[in-house]
Amino acid sequence: MNEENIDGINGCSKVRTGTQNEAALLALMEKTGYNMVQENGQRKFGGPPPGWEGPPPPRGCEVFVGKIPRDMYEDELVPVFERAGKIYEFRLMMEFSGENRGYAFVMYTTKEEAQLAIRILNNYEIRPGKFIGVCVSLDNCRLFIGAIPKEKKKEEILDEMKKVTEGVVDVIVYPSATDKTKNRGFAFVEYESHRAAAMARRKLIPGTFQLWGHTIQVDWADPEKEVDEETMQRVKVLYVRNLMISTTEETIKAEFNKFKPGAVERVKKLRDYAFVHFFNREDAVAAMSVMNGKCIDGASIEVTLAKPVNKESTWRQHLNGQISPNSENLIVFANKEESHPKTLGKPPTLPARLNGQHSPSPPEIERCTYPFFPGTKLTPISMYSLKSNHFNSAVMHLDYYCNKNNWAPPEYYLYSTTSQDGKVLLVYKIVIPAIANGSQSYFMPDKLCTTLEDAKELAAQFTLLHLDYNFRRSSINSLSPVSATLSSATPSGLPYTSRPYSYPSYPLSPTISLANGSHVGQRLYISNQASFF
């Protein structure tokens, strides 16, 4: 053990008795043969381990560990994480005081070991009443660049990014859903390393840098979802993107059935992308190679295998996001940027990101009341001067969304019907005048509610979904069950988080008669395949 190792230990042994802490860490080093050094606010154990030859493990071998007790150190943590496999490197984030910062990164030698650690140690009770969180950690090499002029091509964006930043490897640009000759107003820039991406992000801080005369938005892109190879070997669903909005599910099914009639089980289309379900995996793989790059209704499509969403996280999202356990959305797949182009809002999961990696998430805006003392100075403001995370209801988000796009407020039209047991059921139709002449003249959910407030909130959520008002920006391979693409009319990509409230809703029959005010409306056919409920 060299002086550097001992200095690193001595510098972080203030919480426990110095001698006890040092002795425990020295015993761990002697037992394992690993070195330990401290630098830049973190203490590294290993990296590489004794006898390691060759390059470091590939991406996907590291996990993030959160909610670690502040007085717990490597001598207690390493044995726990060794249960999942051989540790290449253990990085514990440290405070100057000598306490740890509550989180760490553990790199294993294989992806399988990292996945095992997540399975067996996530929510593990590391001390009585103290549960740690474990999830995959990826060095983020990709930046989200927003507010890009929509007429710019991929080659132009790539050339410009190479001029102003170093280490650019590639640029990912997606065509607009409504005009394939234009981009969606954002791009993802891939860098050769996390460091290169971090340096570029620092240079391109919003408000201090312009491209083509436009002040751009810059943030980390959400890391791609990692799905283990064993799971991917069972996938028999294809993800198809860059479709025309006018292309129907019937057309897609017919095109994919051409190479083998009857191979397609069903098609689910959402805006300009779709999921094509096959009866057999072999047919899905064959269709992917045949159909990728083909033209459907004049659009050149991209076809990949869909990535399954983790069942546990999907179930958790359904319970928190008003989706019932028997919803069709329990069988969903994660793919591409269509989920939620990355907004500045933080994801509501355990890990947020620290320098592009996972770290403890910051607190959300608290919801509580404060005493109003006489003489307190009040300043009149407009609700539109607030940030979107000050709003809780979808109704307010929709009004805010329309205002930010310089549209007239949404118009709500109330309909009612009577259930078989005599209950009055309500549903709102929403018309947004600014886009009423487009491809969709109104928005109406496929569920009825028993209260006016629930019906209005549900209609607003449904509308926001179809307008692509997004939860957060994301690069490829991360489709969420209840989100869609960024609208070409919304360059700012405002974040929206739905209210954790369960609506007592009823299905809307395709042939039900709805009364609007005192007049009986026409018999409406409403699709029963909306994504929210």
Protein backbone atom coordinates (compact mmCIF):
# COMPACT_ATOMS: atom_id res chain seq x y z
CA MET A 1 0.00 0.00 0.00
CA ASN A 2 1.52 3.28 -1.10
CA GLU A 3 1.42 6.73 0.49
CA GLU A 4 -1.24 7.91 -1.96
CA ASN A 5 -3.58 5.17 -0.78
CA ILE A 6 -3.04 5.99 2.87
CA ASP A 7 -3.44 9.73 2.26
CA GLY A 8 -6.72 9.07 0.51
CA ILE A 9 -7.94 7.10 3.48
CA ASN A 10 -6.73 9.60 6.07
CA GLY A 11 -8.45 12.43 4.24
CA CYS A 12 -11.88 10.80 4.65
CA SER A 13 -11.87 9.19 8.06
CA LYS A 14 -13.41 11.96 10.13
CA VAL A 15 -16.90 10.59 10.68
CA ARG A 16 -15.99 7.31 12.29
CA THR A 17 -13.03 7.35 14.61
CA GLY A 18 -10.03 7.98 12.37
CA THR A 19 -8.19 4.91 13.51
CA GLN A 20 -11.26 2.67 13.12
CA ASN A 21 -12.04 3.97 9.64
CA GLU A 22 -8.47 3.70 8.43
CA ALA A 23 -8.07 0.22 9.86
CA ALA A 24 -11.29 -1.01 8.22
CA LEU A 25 -10.35 0.36 4.80
CA LEU A 26 -6.76 -0.92 5.02
CA ALA A 27 -8.10 -4.36 5.94
CA LEU A 28 -10.39 -4.27 2.88
CA MET A 29 -7.47 -3.33 0.61
CA GLU A 30 -5.27 -6.02 2.06
CA LYS A 31 -7.96 -8.65 1.69
CA THR A 32 -8.88 -7.79 -1.91
CA GLY A 33 -5.58 -6.46 -3.26
CA TYR A 34 -7.35 -3.41 -4.69
CA ASN A 35 -5.83 0.07 -4.56
CA MET A 36 -7.77 3.06 -3.21
CA VAL A 37 -7.20 6.70 -4.13
CA GLN A 38 -9.17 9.91 -3.61
CA GLU A 39 -9.44 12.66 -6.23
CA ASN A 40 -11.95 15.29 -7.35
CA GLY A 41 -14.45 14.61 -4.58
CA GLN A 42 -14.62 10.85 -5.06
CA ARG A 43 -12.76 7.85 -3.67
CA LYS A 44 -11.89 5.13 -6.15
CA PHE A 45 -11.54 1.53 -5.11
CA GLY A 46 -9.96 -0.48 -7.94
CA GLY A 47 -10.18 0.63 -11.54
CA PRO A 48 -8.61 -1.68 -12.60
CA PRO A 49 -8.66 -4.57 -10.11
CA PRO A 50 -5.51 -6.62 -9.45
CA GLY A 51 -4.31 -8.61 -12.45
CA TRP A 52 -6.66 -6.89 -14.94
CA GLU A 53 -5.44 -6.85 -18.53
CA GLY A 54 -6.98 -5.15 -21.51
CA PRO A 55 -9.43 -2.25 -21.84
CA PRO A 56 -12.03 -1.28 -19.21
CA PRO A 57 -15.46 -2.99 -19.32
CA PRO A 58 -17.86 -1.70 -22.01
CA ARG A 59 -20.82 0.63 -21.48
CA GLY A 60 -23.64 -0.91 -19.49
CA CYS A 61 -21.38 -2.46 -16.85
CA GLU A 62 -21.80 0.35 -14.31
CA VAL A 63 -24.65 0.89 -11.85
CA PHE A 64 -25.65 3.95 -9.87
CA VAL A 65 -26.28 3.50 -6.13
CA GLY A 66 -28.36 6.07 -4.29
CA LYS A 67 -29.64 6.66 -0.75
CA ILE A 68 -26.46 5.35 0.88
CA PRO A 69 -26.23 6.21 4.60
CA ARG A 70 -23.75 9.06 4.94
CA ASP A 71 -21.61 7.22 7.50
CA MET A 72 -21.21 4.03 5.46
CA TYR A 73 -17.98 3.32 3.58
CA GLU A 74 -16.30 0.83 1.27
CA ASP A 75 -15.57 -1.74 3.96
CA GLU A 76 -19.36 -2.23 4.35
CA LEU A 77 -20.45 -1.46 0.79
CA VAL A 78 -17.98 -3.50 -1.26
CA PRO A 79 -18.88 -6.90 0.28
CA VAL A 80 -22.55 -6.23 -0.46
CA PHE A 81 -21.94 -5.41 -4.12
CA GLU A 82 -19.48 -8.26 -4.59
CA ARG A 83 -22.46 -10.59 -4.26
CA ALA A 84 -23.44 -9.70 -7.83
CA GLY A 85 -20.01 -10.26 -9.38
CA LYS A 86 -16.45 -9.03 -9.71
CA ILE A 87 -16.09 -5.30 -9.14
CA TYR A 88 -13.88 -3.46 -11.62
CA GLU A 89 -14.19 -0.12 -9.84
CA PHE A 90 -16.16 1.31 -6.91
CA ARG A 91 -16.45 5.13 -6.80
CA LEU A 92 -17.86 6.62 -3.60
CA MET A 93 -18.68 10.35 -3.77
CA MET A 94 -17.20 12.16 -0.77
CA GLU A 95 -17.81 15.39 1.14
CA PHE A 96 -14.91 17.49 2.41
CA SER A 97 -16.10 16.72 5.94
CA GLY A 98 -15.34 13.04 5.45
CA GLU A 99 -18.93 11.84 5.06
CA ASN A 100 -19.97 10.25 1.80
CA ARG A 101 -22.43 12.21 -0.38
CA GLY A 102 -25.08 9.51 -0.36
CA TYR A 103 -24.35 7.90 -3.70
CA ALA A 104 -21.75 5.86 -5.58
CA PHE A 105 -20.99 4.21 -8.91
CA VAL A 106 -20.09 0.53 -9.14
CA MET A 107 -18.56 -0.82 -12.34
CA TYR A 108 -18.62 -4.58 -12.86
CA THR A 109 -16.60 -6.57 -15.35
CA THR A 110 -19.66 -7.66 -17.38
CA LYS A 111 -23.12 -6.31 -18.22
CA GLU A 112 -24.69 -9.46 -16.78
CA GLU A 113 -23.16 -8.76 -13.37
CA ALA A 114 -24.45 -5.17 -13.47
CA GLN A 115 -27.95 -6.36 -14.32
CA LEU A 116 -27.80 -8.91 -11.50
CA ALA A 117 -26.80 -6.15 -9.07
CA ILE A 118 -29.86 -4.15 -10.09
CA ARG A 119 -32.14 -7.15 -9.64
CA ILE A 120 -30.90 -8.25 -6.24
CA LEU A 121 -29.76 -4.96 -4.64
CA ASN A 122 -32.31 -2.36 -5.76
CA ASN A 123 -34.38 -1.53 -2.64
CA TYR A 124 -31.96 -3.63 -0.58
CA GLU A 125 -32.12 -2.93 3.17
CA ILE A 126 -28.49 -2.08 3.79
CA ARG A 127 -29.17 -1.08 7.38
CA PRO A 128 -32.33 -1.40 9.45
CA GLY A 129 -34.86 0.91 7.84
CA LYS A 130 -32.33 2.13 5.22
CA PHE A 131 -32.99 1.00 1.63
CA ILE A 132 -30.62 1.77 -1.23
CA GLY A 133 -31.60 2.32 -4.85
CA VAL A 134 -29.63 0.69 -7.68
CA CYS A 135 -30.08 1.35 -11.40
CA VAL A 136 -27.99 1.33 -14.56
CA SER A 137 -25.52 4.19 -15.04
CA LEU A 138 -24.22 5.26 -18.42
CA ASP A 139 -21.56 7.81 -19.31
CA ASN A 140 -23.62 10.22 -21.35
CA CYS A 141 -21.95 11.24 -24.60
CA ARG A 142 -25.02 12.82 -26.17
CA LEU A 143 -26.37 16.38 -25.95
CA PHE A 144 -29.82 17.65 -26.79
CA ILE A 145 -29.75 20.83 -28.91
CA GLY A 146 -33.10 22.63 -29.17
CA ALA A 147 -34.42 25.70 -31.03
CA ILE A 148 -32.62 24.73 -34.23
CA PRO A 149 -34.03 26.30 -37.41
CA LYS A 150 -36.33 23.69 -38.92
CA GLU A 151 -35.01 24.14 -42.45
CA LYS A 152 -31.47 23.00 -41.52
CA LYS A 153 -30.36 19.59 -42.80
CA LYS A 154 -28.35 17.00 -40.92
CA GLU A 155 -25.16 17.81 -42.84
CA GLU A 156 -25.46 21.53 -42.01
CA ILE A 157 -26.03 20.84 -38.32
CA LEU A 158 -23.13 18.37 -38.20
CA ASP A 159 -20.74 20.83 -39.88
CA GLU A 160 -21.78 23.67 -37.57
CA MET A 161 -21.41 21.57 -34.40
CA LYS A 162 -17.94 20.45 -35.50
CA LYS A 163 -16.96 24.10 -35.96
CA VAL A 164 -18.04 25.20 -32.48
CA THR A 165 -17.28 22.08 -30.40
CA GLU A 166 -14.67 19.33 -30.40
CA GLY A 167 -15.10 15.57 -30.48
CA VAL A 168 -18.36 15.45 -32.48
CA VAL A 169 -19.00 11.96 -33.81
CA ASP A 170 -22.51 12.20 -35.24
CA VAL A 171 -25.73 14.20 -35.27
CA ILE A 172 -29.18 12.61 -35.00
CA VAL A 173 -31.93 14.61 -36.69
CA TYR A 174 -35.56 13.59 -37.10
CA PRO A 175 -37.89 14.91 -39.80
CA SER A 176 -41.03 16.79 -38.87
CA ALA A 177 -44.16 14.70 -38.54
CA THR A 178 -46.06 17.08 -40.82
CA ASP A 179 -43.34 18.13 -43.29
CA LYS A 180 -40.63 15.59 -44.06
CA THR A 181 -38.44 18.28 -45.68
CA LYS A 182 -37.95 19.98 -42.29
CA ASN A 183 -36.48 18.85 -38.99
CA ARG A 184 -38.36 18.91 -35.69
CA GLY A 185 -36.48 21.88 -34.29
CA PHE A 186 -34.03 19.81 -32.26
CA ALA A 187 -31.15 17.41 -32.73
CA PHE A 188 -28.97 15.05 -30.71
CA VAL A 189 -25.19 15.47 -30.95
CA GLU A 190 -23.03 12.44 -30.20
CA TYR A 191 -19.51 13.04 -28.86
CA GLU A 192 -16.50 10.76 -28.63
CA SER A 193 -16.51 10.81 -24.83
CA HIS A 194 -18.44 12.05 -21.82
CA ARG A 195 -15.73 14.63 -21.21
CA ALA A 196 -16.04 16.01 -24.75
CA ALA A 197 -19.83 16.25 -24.35
CA ALA A 198 -19.45 17.97 -20.96
CA MET A 199 -17.02 20.53 -22.39
CA ALA A 200 -19.35 21.19 -25.31
CA ARG A 201 -22.31 21.63 -22.97
CA ARG A 202 -20.36 24.14 -20.89
CA LYS A 203 -19.55 26.14 -24.02
CA LEU A 204 -23.10 26.04 -25.38
CA ILE A 205 -24.88 27.21 -22.21
CA PRO A 206 -28.28 28.67 -23.20
CA GLY A 207 -28.29 32.46 -23.41
CA THR A 208 -24.58 32.71 -24.16
CA PHE A 209 -24.32 30.99 -27.54
CA GLN A 210 -26.12 31.23 -30.88
CA LEU A 211 -26.27 29.09 -33.99
CA TRP A 212 -27.45 30.67 -37.23
CA GLY A 213 -28.53 33.71 -35.23
CA HIS A 214 -30.73 31.65 -32.88
CA THR A 215 -30.18 31.21 -29.15
CA ILE A 216 -30.15 27.44 -28.74
CA GLN A 217 -31.28 25.21 -25.89
CA VAL A 218 -28.71 22.74 -24.58
CA ASP A 219 -29.03 19.90 -22.10
CA TRP A 220 -28.01 16.31 -21.59
CA ALA A 221 -30.01 13.83 -23.64
CA ASP A 222 -31.53 11.03 -21.60
CA PRO A 223 -29.37 7.89 -21.88
CA GLU A 224 -30.60 5.09 -24.10
CA LYS A 225 -32.57 2.33 -22.43
CA GLU A 226 -30.52 -0.80 -21.93
CA VAL A 227 -32.30 -4.09 -22.56
CA ASP A 228 -30.51 -7.37 -21.94
CA GLU A 229 -29.74 -9.54 -24.94
CA GLU A 230 -31.82 -12.45 -23.66
CA THR A 231 -34.93 -10.25 -23.61
CA MET A 232 -34.22 -8.82 -27.06
CA GLN A 233 -33.94 -12.35 -28.45
CA ARG A 234 -37.63 -12.85 -27.65
CA VAL A 235 -38.90 -9.61 -29.21
CA LYS A 236 -41.28 -10.07 -32.14
CA VAL A 237 -42.43 -6.45 -32.46
CA LEU A 238 -40.98 -3.95 -34.91
CA TYR A 239 -40.74 -0.22 -34.35
CA VAL A 240 -41.42 1.78 -37.51
CA ARG A 241 -40.73 5.52 -37.62
CA ASN A 242 -40.88 8.39 -40.13
CA LEU A 243 -44.34 7.45 -41.35
CA MET A 244 -46.71 9.95 -42.87
CA ILE A 245 -49.42 11.05 -40.45
CA SER A 246 -52.01 10.11 -43.09
CA THR A 247 -50.73 6.53 -43.37
CA THR A 248 -53.23 4.11 -41.83
CA GLU A 249 -52.68 0.98 -39.75
CA GLU A 250 -54.30 -1.03 -42.55
CA THR A 251 -51.74 0.26 -45.07
CA ILE A 252 -48.83 -0.56 -42.75
CA LYS A 253 -50.16 -4.07 -42.12
CA ALA A 254 -50.62 -4.67 -45.84
CA GLU A 255 -47.08 -3.49 -46.65
CA PHE A 256 -45.46 -5.66 -43.97
CA ASN A 257 -47.56 -8.65 -44.99
CA LYS A 258 -46.27 -8.46 -48.58
CA PHE A 259 -43.09 -10.40 -47.88
CA LYS A 260 -45.09 -13.14 -46.09
CA PRO A 261 -48.92 -13.00 -46.11
CA GLY A 262 -50.48 -13.41 -42.65
CA ALA A 263 -47.23 -12.82 -40.75
CA VAL A 264 -48.45 -9.63 -39.05
CA GLU A 265 -50.68 -10.05 -36.00
CA ARG A 266 -51.62 -6.37 -35.53
CA VAL A 267 -50.38 -2.79 -35.95
CA LYS A 268 -50.55 0.07 -33.48
CA LYS A 269 -49.88 3.50 -35.05
CA LEU A 270 -49.30 6.68 -33.04
CA ARG A 271 -48.84 9.86 -35.07
CA ASP A 272 -45.84 9.20 -37.40
CA TYR A 273 -44.57 5.96 -35.87
CA ALA A 274 -46.02 2.50 -35.30
CA PHE A 275 -45.46 -0.86 -33.63
CA VAL A 276 -45.92 -3.88 -35.88
CA HIS A 277 -46.62 -7.09 -33.95
CA PHE A 278 -45.74 -10.42 -35.59
CA PHE A 279 -46.86 -13.92 -34.71
CA ASN A 280 -43.26 -15.22 -34.95
CA ARG A 281 -39.92 -13.58 -34.16
CA GLU A 282 -38.28 -15.03 -37.27
CA ASP A 283 -40.80 -13.23 -39.46
CA ALA A 284 -40.23 -9.98 -37.56
CA VAL A 285 -36.46 -10.14 -38.05
CA ALA A 286 -36.85 -10.98 -41.74
CA ALA A 287 -39.35 -8.15 -42.24
CA MET A 288 -37.01 -5.71 -40.53
CA SER A 289 -34.22 -6.34 -43.04
CA VAL A 290 -36.64 -6.23 -45.98
CA MET A 291 -38.65 -3.16 -44.99
CA ASN A 292 -35.99 -0.88 -43.50
CA GLY A 293 -35.53 2.04 -45.89
CA LYS A 294 -38.62 1.21 -47.96
CA CYS A 295 -41.14 3.89 -48.93
CA ILE A 296 -44.72 3.88 -47.66
CA ASP A 297 -46.98 6.64 -48.97
CA GLY A 298 -43.90 8.52 -50.16
CA ALA A 299 -42.00 8.43 -46.84
CA SER A 300 -38.77 6.46 -46.36
CA ILE A 301 -39.27 4.47 -43.17
CA GLU A 302 -36.83 3.24 -40.54
CA VAL A 303 -37.45 -0.17 -38.97
CA THR A 304 -35.85 -1.62 -35.85
CA LEU A 305 -36.72 -4.14 -33.17
CA ALA A 306 -38.81 -2.56 -30.44
CA LYS A 307 -37.27 -2.45 -26.98
CA PRO A 308 -39.53 -3.78 -24.22
CA VAL A 309 -40.20 -1.50 -21.28
CA ASN A 310 -39.25 -2.86 -17.87
CA LYS A 311 -42.46 -4.38 -16.50
CA GLU A 312 -41.87 -3.23 -12.94
CA SER A 313 -41.24 0.41 -13.91
CA THR A 314 -44.17 0.33 -16.33
CA TRP A 315 -46.49 -0.97 -13.62
CA ARG A 316 -45.22 1.73 -11.28
CA GLN A 317 -45.88 4.39 -13.91
CA HIS A 318 -49.37 3.07 -14.52
CA LEU A 319 -50.20 3.24 -10.83
CA ASN A 320 -48.88 6.80 -10.63
CA GLY A 321 -50.18 8.01 -13.96
CA GLN A 322 -53.88 7.09 -13.96
CA ILE A 323 -53.43 3.99 -16.14
CA SER A 324 -55.21 0.90 -14.92
CA PRO A 325 -53.36 -2.40 -14.43
CA ASN A 326 -55.34 -4.03 -17.24
CA SER A 327 -54.59 -1.22 -19.68
CA GLU A 328 -53.26 -2.04 -23.11
CA ASN A 329 -50.29 0.12 -22.19
CA LEU A 330 -48.89 -2.62 -19.98
CA ILE A 331 -47.68 -4.15 -23.22
CA VAL A 332 -45.61 -1.33 -24.62
CA PHE A 333 -42.19 -0.90 -26.14
CA ALA A 334 -39.53 1.76 -25.71
CA ASN A 335 -38.07 3.21 -28.85
CA LYS A 336 -36.65 6.33 -30.42
CA GLU A 337 -37.15 9.97 -29.71
CA GLU A 338 -40.92 9.92 -30.00
CA SER A 339 -41.42 9.47 -26.31
CA HIS A 340 -40.50 12.86 -24.98
CA PRO A 341 -37.88 15.13 -26.52
CA LYS A 342 -35.89 16.09 -23.49
CA THR A 343 -37.19 19.09 -21.56
CA LEU A 344 -35.42 20.95 -18.79
CA GLY A 345 -37.77 19.34 -16.28
CA LYS A 346 -36.28 16.59 -14.16
CA PRO A 347 -37.63 13.05 -14.45
CA PRO A 348 -39.73 11.90 -11.50
CA THR A 349 -37.63 8.77 -10.93
CA LEU A 350 -35.03 8.11 -8.24
CA PRO A 351 -31.93 9.11 -10.21
CA ALA A 352 -31.64 12.43 -11.98
CA ARG A 353 -28.34 13.22 -13.67
CA LEU A 354 -25.06 14.63 -12.40
CA ASN A 355 -22.88 15.68 -15.30
CA GLY A 356 -24.83 13.37 -17.55
CA GLN A 357 -24.76 10.49 -15.09
CA HIS A 358 -27.35 9.43 -12.56
CA SER A 359 -27.34 11.15 -9.20
CA PRO A 360 -29.84 11.97 -6.47
CA SER A 361 -32.70 14.00 -7.91
CA PRO A 362 -33.35 17.54 -6.71
CA PRO A 363 -36.56 18.24 -4.82
CA GLU A 364 -39.59 19.18 -6.89
CA ILE A 365 -41.56 22.35 -6.17
CA GLU A 366 -43.26 21.65 -2.86
CA ARG A 367 -47.04 21.79 -2.59
CA CYS A 368 -48.03 23.32 0.74
CA THR A 369 -49.41 26.50 2.28
CA TYR A 370 -47.62 29.26 4.13
CA PRO A 371 -49.06 31.79 6.60
CA PHE A 372 -50.02 35.13 5.04
CA PHE A 373 -48.94 37.79 7.48
CA PRO A 374 -50.41 41.30 7.46
CA GLY A 375 -48.14 43.72 5.62
CA THR A 376 -46.63 41.06 3.36
CA LYS A 377 -45.70 42.75 0.08
CA LEU A 378 -47.47 41.25 -2.95
CA THR A 379 -46.52 41.73 -6.60
CA PRO A 380 -49.11 41.21 -9.35
CA ILE A 381 -47.91 38.80 -12.03
CA SER A 382 -49.30 36.88 -14.98
CA MET A 383 -49.61 33.11 -14.77
CA TYR A 384 -47.80 32.95 -18.10
CA SER A 385 -44.68 34.42 -16.52
CA LEU A 386 -44.38 31.34 -14.32
CA LYS A 387 -42.61 28.12 -15.24
CA SER A 388 -44.68 25.11 -16.18
CA ASN A 389 -43.71 23.21 -13.03
CA HIS A 390 -45.81 25.68 -11.04
CA PHE A 391 -48.93 24.10 -12.55
CA ASN A 392 -50.44 20.85 -11.32
CA SER A 393 -53.52 20.31 -13.49
CA ALA A 394 -53.59 19.38 -17.16
CA VAL A 395 -56.22 22.08 -17.75
CA MET A 396 -53.74 24.75 -16.66
CA HIS A 397 -50.92 23.13 -18.66
CA LEU A 398 -53.05 23.16 -21.81
CA ASP A 399 -53.92 26.84 -21.37
CA TYR A 400 -50.24 27.61 -20.73
CA TYR A 401 -49.20 25.57 -23.76
CA CYS A 402 -51.58 27.44 -26.07
CA ASN A 403 -50.44 30.82 -24.76
CA LYS A 404 -46.76 29.98 -25.28
CA ASN A 405 -47.52 29.09 -28.89
CA ASN A 406 -49.49 32.33 -29.38
CA TRP A 407 -52.72 30.39 -29.89
CA ALA A 408 -56.20 31.29 -28.72
CA PRO A 409 -57.30 29.48 -25.54
CA PRO A 410 -58.72 25.96 -25.94
CA GLU A 411 -62.50 25.66 -26.30
CA TYR A 412 -64.28 23.04 -24.16
CA TYR A 413 -67.59 21.46 -25.28
CA LEU A 414 -69.41 19.31 -22.75
CA TYR A 415 -71.34 16.14 -23.69
CA SER A 416 -73.29 13.76 -21.51
CA THR A 417 -74.97 10.39 -21.62
CA THR A 418 -76.56 8.01 -19.13
CA SER A 419 -75.04 4.72 -18.05
CA GLN A 420 -77.02 1.48 -17.77
CA ASP A 421 -77.30 1.99 -14.02
CA GLY A 422 -78.68 5.52 -14.46
CA LYS A 423 -75.52 7.54 -13.78
CA VAL A 424 -74.91 10.75 -15.71
CA LEU A 425 -71.57 10.38 -17.50
CA LEU A 426 -69.62 13.30 -18.91
CA VAL A 427 -66.98 13.89 -21.56
CA TYR A 428 -65.42 17.05 -22.97
CA LYS A 429 -64.50 17.72 -26.58
CA ILE A 430 -61.65 20.21 -26.94
CA VAL A 431 -61.17 22.41 -29.98
CA ILE A 432 -58.00 24.46 -30.43
CA PRO A 433 -58.90 27.08 -33.04
CA ALA A 434 -55.32 27.59 -34.21
CA ILE A 435 -55.06 24.01 -35.47
CA ALA A 436 -58.73 23.15 -36.00
CA ASN A 437 -58.26 23.10 -39.77
CA GLY A 438 -55.38 20.65 -39.58
CA SER A 439 -55.31 16.85 -39.57
CA GLN A 440 -57.30 16.68 -36.31
CA SER A 441 -60.15 19.14 -35.77
CA TYR A 442 -60.87 18.23 -32.14
CA PHE A 443 -59.68 16.05 -29.26
CA MET A 444 -61.91 13.78 -27.18
CA PRO A 445 -60.82 10.99 -24.82
CA ASP A 446 -62.36 7.53 -25.03
CA LYS A 447 -63.54 7.49 -21.42
CA LEU A 448 -66.49 9.09 -19.63
CA CYS A 449 -66.34 10.53 -16.12
CA THR A 450 -68.86 10.99 -13.34
CA THR A 451 -67.73 14.49 -12.30
CA LEU A 452 -67.25 17.65 -14.32
CA GLU A 453 -63.74 18.32 -12.99
CA ASP A 454 -62.51 14.83 -13.86
CA ALA A 455 -63.98 15.01 -17.35
CA LYS A 456 -62.26 18.33 -18.05
CA GLU A 457 -58.92 17.20 -16.63
CA LEU A 458 -59.03 13.95 -18.59
CA ALA A 459 -59.82 15.78 -21.84
CA ALA A 460 -56.95 18.20 -21.26
CA GLN A 461 -54.52 15.33 -20.58
CA PHE A 462 -55.67 13.53 -23.70
CA THR A 463 -55.20 16.69 -25.77
CA LEU A 464 -51.74 17.36 -24.37
CA LEU A 465 -50.72 13.82 -25.22
CA HIS A 466 -51.79 14.18 -28.84
CA LEU A 467 -50.23 17.62 -29.09
CA ASP A 468 -46.98 16.03 -27.93
CA TYR A 469 -46.60 18.15 -24.82
CA ASN A 470 -43.76 16.15 -23.37
CA PHE A 471 -42.49 14.87 -20.03
CA ARG A 472 -38.79 15.35 -20.86
CA ARG A 473 -36.40 15.34 -23.75
CA SER A 474 -34.96 12.01 -24.74
CA SER A 475 -32.74 10.67 -27.42
CA ILE A 476 -33.37 7.42 -29.25
CA ASN A 477 -34.67 4.25 -27.65
CA SER A 478 -36.76 5.61 -24.80
CA LEU A 479 -40.46 5.62 -25.55
CA SER A 480 -42.65 6.11 -22.51
CA PRO A 481 -46.13 4.53 -22.51
CA VAL A 482 -47.96 7.82 -22.11
CA SER A 483 -46.00 10.28 -24.23
CA ALA A 484 -45.44 11.07 -27.86
CA THR A 485 -43.32 13.23 -30.16
CA LEU A 486 -42.54 16.89 -30.00
CA SER A 487 -44.93 18.87 -32.13
CA SER A 488 -43.42 20.84 -34.96
CA ALA A 489 -45.33 23.82 -33.62
CA THR A 490 -43.70 23.66 -30.18
CA PRO A 491 -40.00 24.45 -30.46
CA SER A 492 -39.65 25.05 -26.74
CA GLY A 493 -40.74 21.51 -25.74
CA LEU A 494 -42.50 22.44 -22.51
CA PRO A 495 -42.41 19.78 -19.76
CA TYR A 496 -45.64 18.30 -18.48
CA THR A 497 -46.16 15.94 -15.56
CA SER A 498 -49.60 14.46 -15.14
CA ARG A 499 -51.44 14.59 -11.84
CA PRO A 500 -51.19 11.35 -9.79
CA TYR A 501 -54.93 10.93 -9.59
CA SER A 502 -57.11 7.99 -10.54
CA TYR A 503 -60.26 8.87 -12.44
CA PRO A 504 -63.48 6.85 -12.04
CA SER A 505 -63.97 6.65 -15.79
CA TYR A 506 -66.21 4.58 -18.07
CA PRO A 507 -65.46 3.35 -21.60
CA LEU A 508 -67.07 5.32 -24.40
CA SER A 509 -69.00 3.04 -26.74
CA PRO A 510 -68.40 3.56 -30.48
CA THR A 511 -72.16 3.99 -30.98
CA ILE A 512 -73.15 5.98 -27.91
CA SER A 513 -75.30 9.11 -28.28
CA LEU A 514 -73.94 12.19 -26.55
CA ALA A 515 -76.01 15.23 -25.61
CA ASN A 516 -74.39 18.66 -25.93
CA GLY A 517 -76.34 21.07 -23.73
CA SER A 518 -80.01 20.59 -24.54
CA HIS A 519 -79.36 19.24 -28.01
CA VAL A 520 -78.59 15.63 -28.84
CA GLY A 521 -75.34 15.52 -30.78
CA GLN A 522 -74.55 13.30 -33.74
CA ARG A 523 -73.60 9.70 -33.09
CA LEU A 524 -69.84 9.83 -32.80
CA TYR A 525 -67.33 7.09 -33.44
CA ILE A 526 -64.48 7.49 -30.97
CA SER A 527 -61.41 5.30 -31.21
CA ASN A 528 -61.15 3.04 -28.18
CA GLN A 529 -57.35 2.84 -28.44
CA ALA A 530 -56.22 6.11 -26.90
CA SER A 531 -53.05 5.88 -24.88
CA PHE A 532 -54.09 7.43 -21.58
CA PHE A 533 -56.86 5.20 -20.23
